[in-house]
Amino acid sequence: MFARVEHIEPDYKRDWYHITLLLLSVPTQPVTWILRGAYIEGEAFTMGGVPMRLELVPKTPIKTDAPPSPGQTDGKKTSSKAGTVIPFKKPSA
């Protein structure tokens, strides 16, 4: 499961935090978990008997040396024939 951390705020108990995550599923779902600081730092824990661990997903750099798209050469746009739009027609019943 993948999620994005939206917000972290301290709980009234020492070393515990409310961490709001946006679960990156379809559809996305916001959840708030109450976790110890060590769990946020990556220590394993269980939730309902299911082992869990928060882990940072490293950012993937965007490649900038991609070949030019059709209609472009050396960053300059060249004129090309416009595409044809084909409308979707629902079949009659």
Protein backbone atom coordinates (compact mmCIF):
# COMPACT_ATOMS: atom_id res chain seq x y z
CA MET A 1 0.00 0.00 0.00
CA PHE A 2 1.26 3.50 -0.76
CA ALA A 3 0.24 6.70 1.00
CA ARG A 4 1.27 10.33 1.21
CA VAL A 5 1.75 11.94 4.61
CA GLU A 6 -0.61 14.91 4.79
CA HIS A 7 -0.25 16.08 8.39
CA ILE A 8 1.44 15.12 11.67
CA GLU A 9 0.42 16.58 15.03
CA PRO A 10 1.30 15.55 18.58
CA ASP A 11 -1.09 13.47 20.66
CA TYR A 12 -1.76 14.25 24.33
CA LYS A 13 0.35 11.17 25.20
CA ARG A 14 4.08 11.79 25.16
CA ASP A 15 5.92 10.48 22.03
CA TRP A 16 2.66 9.64 20.20
CA TYR A 17 1.36 11.47 17.12
CA HIS A 18 -1.74 11.74 14.94
CA ILE A 19 -0.52 11.14 11.39
CA THR A 20 -2.95 11.82 8.56
CA LEU A 21 -2.23 9.81 5.43
CA LEU A 22 -3.79 9.95 1.98
CA LEU A 23 -3.98 6.32 0.83
CA LEU A 24 -3.03 6.26 -2.83
CA SER A 25 -5.69 3.82 -3.91
CA VAL A 26 -8.65 4.16 -6.24
CA PRO A 27 -10.43 6.09 -4.90
CA THR A 28 -7.95 7.86 -2.62
CA GLN A 29 -8.84 7.74 1.08
CA PRO A 30 -7.66 9.93 3.94
CA VAL A 31 -6.94 8.09 7.21
CA THR A 32 -5.57 9.20 10.56
CA TRP A 33 -3.45 6.84 12.60
CA ILE A 34 -2.12 7.41 16.13
CA LEU A 35 1.48 6.20 16.11
CA ARG A 36 4.59 6.45 18.27
CA GLY A 37 7.42 8.55 16.92
CA ALA A 38 9.54 5.43 16.41
CA TYR A 39 6.86 3.98 14.11
CA ILE A 40 6.90 7.14 12.00
CA GLU A 41 10.68 6.77 11.74
CA GLY A 42 10.31 3.27 10.25
CA GLU A 43 10.15 0.84 13.20
CA ALA A 44 7.83 -2.12 12.52
CA PHE A 45 4.46 -2.27 14.32
CA THR A 46 1.23 -4.24 14.05
CA MET A 47 -2.26 -2.99 13.39
CA GLY A 48 -5.01 -5.52 14.08
CA GLY A 49 -2.37 -8.27 14.02
CA VAL A 50 -1.11 -7.20 10.58
CA PRO A 51 2.58 -6.23 10.48
CA MET A 52 3.17 -2.70 9.14
CA ARG A 53 6.07 -0.35 8.59
CA LEU A 54 6.26 3.18 7.23
CA GLU A 55 8.99 3.58 4.62
CA LEU A 56 10.10 6.57 2.58
CA VAL A 57 9.77 6.04 -1.16
CA PRO A 58 12.69 7.80 -2.87
CA LYS A 59 11.85 10.41 -5.46
CA THR A 60 12.45 9.26 -9.03
CA PRO A 61 14.12 11.93 -11.16
CA ILE A 62 12.39 12.87 -14.37
CA LYS A 63 14.49 12.11 -17.41
CA THR A 64 15.14 15.24 -19.47
CA ASP A 65 17.01 13.56 -22.31
CA ALA A 66 13.85 12.08 -23.84
CA PRO A 67 13.63 12.10 -27.63
CA PRO A 68 11.61 15.01 -29.06
CA SER A 69 7.95 14.36 -29.53
CA PRO A 70 6.48 14.39 -33.05
CA GLY A 71 6.34 17.91 -34.43
CA GLN A 72 9.35 19.09 -32.37
CA THR A 73 13.04 19.28 -33.21
CA ASP A 74 15.70 20.86 -31.01
CA GLY A 75 13.03 22.39 -28.76
CA LYS A 76 11.45 24.31 -31.66
CA LYS A 77 7.97 23.48 -32.78
CA THR A 78 7.57 22.66 -36.43
CA SER A 79 4.32 22.80 -38.28
CA SER A 80 2.59 19.47 -38.60
CA LYS A 81 -0.75 18.35 -39.88
CA ALA A 82 -3.49 18.68 -37.29
CA GLY A 83 -4.93 15.42 -35.97
CA THR A 84 -8.42 14.22 -36.78
CA VAL A 85 -11.00 14.14 -34.00
CA ILE A 86 -13.24 11.09 -34.21
CA PRO A 87 -16.32 11.43 -31.99
CA PHE A 88 -17.43 8.46 -29.94
CA LYS A 89 -20.95 7.45 -30.92
CA LYS A 90 -22.96 5.28 -28.59
CA PRO A 91 -24.49 2.33 -30.47
CA SER A 92 -28.26 2.50 -30.67
CA ALA A 93 -30.12 -0.23 -28.85
